[in-house]
Amino acid sequence: MKIVYYGHSCFGVEVNCKHLLFDPYISPNPLAKSIDVSKVPADYILVSHGHSDHIADAVDIAKRTGAMVIAAHEVGVWLYNQGIENMHRMNTGGKAKFDFGNVKCVKAEHSSTMPDGSNGGNPMGFVIESSEGNFYYAGDTALTYDMKLIGDYRHIDFAFLPIGDNFTMGVDNAIIATDFINCKDIIGMHYDTFPPIVINKEEAIRKFDHAGKKLTLMEIGKTISSKEVMSNSTQVTS
């Protein structure tokens, strides 16, 4: 798998020759000014919840690429009203099979309203299972004991976890989450974009390392392989 970071919580993951794009918030993000959003590829767009910092570019990218959007029912209704028809609506606990692999929707402890204030349904995380490996994209979430169900019933090779605190769990709770999901290789997300979620990256890496876990903090625009995420050294990519 190849992983590219577009800033905040937005990642592209290439799985079985398909481009999965998670929570597209690029053009409004000043930290992602180096990214040309008109060139971001997507065969599927997975939206964890309705907040603008996770869906801002979803409509434009979906229209340009024809990508299928995978999201909660209420998010799908909002997108349909914006002119997006190619979508697969899901909800917490559901699983569906696609040509790249399976998507399992899991609980995220957060809120979800659309940019116009309408109901965004249940916030979710996604477990992606494929012949190339499995990963967990947590979305925006607090630490919740429900994460232990993921570790109990699914094998996770690596995970995307929020670490910025304030709106989601922070570094300390994310380390606990690694035990719940039984996965020590983590890509951090939802940090540094806004003043309340600016973190000390070196301290975050040290805490993960001290706990025997690996935290990868990707540079915006950088592409790495899943094998690099699961290597033996903790890193900030450049």
Protein backbone atom coordinates (compact mmCIF):
# COMPACT_ATOMS: atom_id res chain seq x y z
CA MET A 1 0.00 0.00 0.00
CA LYS A 2 1.08 3.57 -0.68
CA ILE A 3 0.02 6.36 1.70
CA VAL A 4 0.07 10.07 0.92
CA TYR A 5 -0.71 12.80 3.45
CA TYR A 6 -2.76 15.81 2.34
CA GLY A 7 -2.89 17.48 5.78
CA HIS A 8 -5.09 17.41 8.87
CA SER A 9 -6.91 14.05 8.69
CA CYS A 10 -6.84 13.67 4.92
CA PHE A 11 -4.91 10.72 3.53
CA GLY A 12 -4.82 8.91 0.25
CA VAL A 13 -4.21 5.17 0.43
CA GLU A 14 -3.63 3.09 -2.70
CA VAL A 15 -5.03 -0.41 -2.13
CA ASN A 16 -5.15 -3.03 -4.87
CA CYS A 17 -4.65 -0.33 -7.52
CA LYS A 18 -7.56 1.74 -6.17
CA HIS A 19 -7.15 5.19 -4.64
CA LEU A 20 -8.97 5.65 -1.33
CA LEU A 21 -9.24 9.24 -0.10
CA PHE A 22 -10.16 9.85 3.53
CA ASP A 23 -11.83 13.02 4.87
CA PRO A 24 -10.83 15.52 2.16
CA TYR A 25 -10.02 18.85 3.78
CA ILE A 26 -7.28 20.36 1.63
CA SER A 27 -8.09 23.64 -0.11
CA PRO A 28 -9.14 25.53 3.08
CA ASN A 29 -6.11 24.27 5.01
CA PRO A 30 -3.23 26.80 4.92
CA LEU A 31 -0.81 24.05 5.93
CA ALA A 32 -1.70 22.17 2.72
CA LYS A 33 -1.11 25.07 0.32
CA SER A 34 1.47 22.99 -1.56
CA ILE A 35 -1.22 20.48 -2.58
CA ASP A 36 -2.99 20.97 -5.92
CA VAL A 37 -6.41 19.64 -5.02
CA SER A 38 -7.36 19.43 -8.70
CA LYS A 39 -4.80 16.64 -9.11
CA VAL A 40 -5.68 14.55 -6.04
CA PRO A 41 -6.74 11.08 -7.25
CA ALA A 42 -9.73 9.21 -5.87
CA ASP A 43 -11.66 6.09 -6.80
CA TYR A 44 -13.37 6.10 -3.40
CA ILE A 45 -13.88 8.93 -0.90
CA LEU A 46 -14.50 7.85 2.68
CA VAL A 47 -16.04 10.50 4.93
CA SER A 48 -16.01 9.78 8.67
CA HIS A 49 -18.43 12.56 9.66
CA GLY A 50 -19.94 15.82 8.52
CA HIS A 51 -17.69 18.52 9.98
CA SER A 52 -16.29 20.94 7.43
CA ASP A 53 -12.69 20.05 8.28
CA HIS A 54 -13.38 16.54 6.98
CA ILE A 55 -15.66 17.13 4.02
CA ALA A 56 -14.69 20.51 2.58
CA ASP A 57 -13.37 19.18 -0.74
CA ALA A 58 -15.50 16.06 -1.00
CA VAL A 59 -18.04 17.45 -3.47
CA ASP A 60 -15.50 18.96 -5.87
CA ILE A 61 -13.25 15.89 -5.85
CA ALA A 62 -16.17 13.49 -6.23
CA LYS A 63 -17.52 15.45 -9.21
CA ARG A 64 -14.10 15.68 -10.86
CA THR A 65 -13.09 12.04 -10.38
CA GLY A 66 -16.44 10.25 -10.35
CA ALA A 67 -15.31 8.55 -7.13
CA MET A 68 -17.79 6.59 -5.05
CA VAL A 69 -18.38 8.22 -1.67
CA ILE A 70 -18.64 5.93 1.36
CA ALA A 71 -20.27 7.68 4.32
CA ALA A 72 -23.06 7.59 6.86
CA HIS A 73 -26.58 7.81 5.48
CA GLU A 74 -27.11 11.39 6.59
CA VAL A 75 -23.81 12.53 5.12
CA GLY A 76 -24.83 10.80 1.91
CA VAL A 77 -28.15 12.66 1.82
CA TRP A 78 -26.33 15.98 2.17
CA LEU A 79 -23.89 15.06 -0.59
CA TYR A 80 -26.73 13.94 -2.84
CA ASN A 81 -28.27 17.38 -2.40
CA GLN A 82 -24.94 18.82 -3.58
CA GLY A 83 -25.19 16.78 -6.78
CA ILE A 84 -23.26 13.63 -5.81
CA GLU A 85 -25.03 10.43 -6.84
CA ASN A 86 -22.25 7.83 -6.83
CA MET A 87 -22.21 6.77 -3.20
CA HIS A 88 -22.56 3.87 -0.82
CA ARG A 89 -24.31 4.79 2.41
CA MET A 90 -23.44 2.87 5.56
CA ASN A 91 -23.78 3.08 9.31
CA THR A 92 -21.98 1.99 12.45
CA GLY A 93 -21.52 -1.77 12.63
CA GLY A 94 -22.08 -2.33 8.92
CA LYS A 95 -19.64 -4.00 6.56
CA ALA A 96 -19.57 -3.91 2.75
CA LYS A 97 -17.38 -5.46 0.07
CA PHE A 98 -15.77 -3.38 -2.66
CA ASP A 99 -13.31 -4.22 -5.42
CA PHE A 100 -10.35 -3.15 -3.23
CA GLY A 101 -11.47 -5.06 -0.12
CA ASN A 102 -13.93 -4.72 2.76
CA VAL A 103 -15.02 -1.66 4.73
CA LYS A 104 -16.26 -2.13 8.28
CA CYS A 105 -17.81 0.92 9.94
CA VAL A 106 -16.96 1.25 13.63
CA LYS A 107 -17.98 3.65 16.36
CA ALA A 108 -16.32 7.04 16.80
CA GLU A 109 -17.12 9.02 19.92
CA HIS A 110 -17.59 12.52 18.52
CA SER A 111 -20.30 14.72 16.98
CA SER A 112 -21.38 15.18 13.37
CA THR A 113 -23.13 18.12 11.78
CA MET A 114 -22.93 19.15 8.16
CA PRO A 115 -21.52 22.52 7.06
CA ASP A 116 -25.06 23.92 6.82
CA GLY A 117 -25.92 22.74 10.34
CA SER A 118 -28.02 19.76 9.28
CA ASN A 119 -27.75 16.36 10.92
CA GLY A 120 -24.62 14.40 10.00
CA GLY A 121 -25.72 11.11 11.55
CA ASN A 122 -23.33 8.91 13.48
CA PRO A 123 -19.62 9.72 13.29
CA MET A 124 -17.65 6.65 12.26
CA GLY A 125 -14.25 5.11 11.85
CA PHE A 126 -13.36 2.61 9.14
CA VAL A 127 -11.57 -0.72 9.24
CA ILE A 128 -10.22 -1.56 5.78
CA GLU A 129 -9.45 -5.22 5.11
CA SER A 130 -7.68 -6.17 1.90
CA SER A 131 -5.31 -8.70 0.39
CA GLU A 132 -2.55 -6.09 0.84
CA GLY A 133 -3.18 -5.65 4.57
CA ASN A 134 -5.63 -4.21 7.08
CA PHE A 135 -5.77 -0.78 8.67
CA TYR A 136 -8.00 1.29 10.95
CA TYR A 137 -8.88 4.89 10.18
CA ALA A 138 -10.35 6.20 13.44
CA GLY A 139 -11.81 9.50 12.25
CA ASP A 140 -12.40 12.07 15.00
CA THR A 141 -12.90 10.23 18.25
CA ALA A 142 -12.34 10.18 21.96
CA LEU A 143 -10.77 7.14 23.54
CA THR A 144 -13.55 4.60 23.91
CA TYR A 145 -13.54 1.06 25.23
CA ASP A 146 -15.43 0.01 22.10
CA MET A 147 -12.06 0.17 20.33
CA LYS A 148 -11.18 -3.03 22.14
CA LEU A 149 -13.70 -4.85 19.96
CA ILE A 150 -11.56 -3.98 16.96
CA GLY A 151 -8.49 -5.54 18.54
CA ASP A 152 -10.44 -8.57 19.73
CA TYR A 153 -12.04 -9.46 16.40
CA ARG A 154 -9.84 -8.00 13.67
CA HIS A 155 -6.17 -7.99 12.78
CA ILE A 156 -4.89 -4.44 12.25
CA ASP A 157 -1.50 -3.86 10.62
CA PHE A 158 -1.44 -0.11 11.22
CA ALA A 159 -3.86 2.65 12.23
CA PHE A 160 -4.56 6.33 11.70
CA LEU A 161 -5.34 7.88 15.10
CA PRO A 162 -6.12 11.50 16.06
CA ILE A 163 -3.56 12.91 18.50
CA GLY A 164 -4.30 16.65 18.67
CA ASP A 165 -6.42 16.65 21.85
CA ASN A 166 -9.08 19.35 22.50
CA PHE A 167 -11.54 18.09 19.83
CA THR A 168 -10.40 14.45 19.90
CA MET A 169 -8.23 12.24 22.03
CA GLY A 170 -4.66 13.36 22.52
CA VAL A 171 -1.35 11.53 22.53
CA ASP A 172 -1.74 9.88 25.95
CA ASN A 173 -5.17 8.46 25.13
CA ALA A 174 -4.02 7.42 21.65
CA ILE A 175 -1.31 5.31 23.27
CA ILE A 176 -3.98 3.57 25.34
CA ALA A 177 -6.00 3.08 22.15
CA THR A 178 -3.08 1.16 20.62
CA ASP A 179 -3.49 -1.44 23.35
CA PHE A 180 -7.24 -1.65 22.75
CA ILE A 181 -6.86 -2.18 18.99
CA ASN A 182 -3.79 -4.40 19.46
CA CYS A 183 -1.73 -2.36 17.01
CA LYS A 184 1.54 -0.62 17.78
CA ASP A 185 2.17 1.11 14.43
CA ILE A 186 0.34 4.43 14.25
CA ILE A 187 0.09 7.33 11.82
CA GLY A 188 -0.90 10.49 13.66
CA MET A 189 -3.61 12.83 12.38
CA HIS A 190 -5.82 15.76 13.40
CA TYR A 191 -3.02 17.85 14.88
CA ASP A 192 -1.34 21.24 14.23
CA THR A 193 -4.01 22.54 11.82
CA PHE A 194 -5.60 24.93 14.34
CA PRO A 195 -4.08 26.57 17.44
CA PRO A 196 -5.98 24.36 19.96
CA ILE A 197 -4.53 21.18 18.43
CA VAL A 198 -0.89 22.17 17.97
CA ILE A 199 1.30 19.48 19.53
CA ASN A 200 4.91 18.97 20.51
CA LYS A 201 5.87 16.38 17.89
CA GLU A 202 9.13 15.32 19.50
CA GLU A 203 7.41 14.77 22.84
CA ALA A 204 4.61 12.79 21.17
CA ILE A 205 7.16 10.52 19.47
CA ARG A 206 9.04 10.02 22.73
CA LYS A 207 5.86 9.03 24.56
CA PHE A 208 4.97 6.46 21.93
CA ASP A 209 8.51 5.14 21.90
CA HIS A 210 8.57 4.89 25.69
CA ALA A 211 5.36 2.83 25.49
CA GLY A 212 6.96 0.49 22.95
CA LYS A 213 4.84 1.86 20.09
CA LYS A 214 5.71 3.65 16.86
CA LEU A 215 4.25 7.02 15.88
CA THR A 216 4.74 8.20 12.29
CA LEU A 217 4.06 11.89 11.65
CA MET A 218 3.97 12.46 7.92
CA GLU A 219 4.95 15.64 6.13
CA ILE A 220 2.13 17.07 4.02
CA GLY A 221 2.59 15.95 0.41
CA LYS A 222 4.83 13.05 1.41
CA THR A 223 4.18 9.51 0.16
CA ILE A 224 5.34 6.44 2.07
CA SER A 225 4.60 2.73 1.92
CA SER A 226 2.74 0.77 4.54
CA LYS A 227 5.95 -1.22 5.07
CA GLU A 228 7.67 1.98 6.19
CA VAL A 229 4.93 2.58 8.74
CA MET A 230 5.50 -0.90 10.11
CA SER A 231 9.31 -0.69 10.26
CA ASN A 232 11.19 -0.84 13.54
CA SER A 233 12.12 2.84 13.94
CA THR A 234 9.96 5.74 15.07
CA GLN A 235 10.04 8.57 12.58
CA VAL A 236 8.94 11.97 11.40
CA THR A 237 8.92 11.70 7.60
CA SER A 238 10.45 14.37 5.42
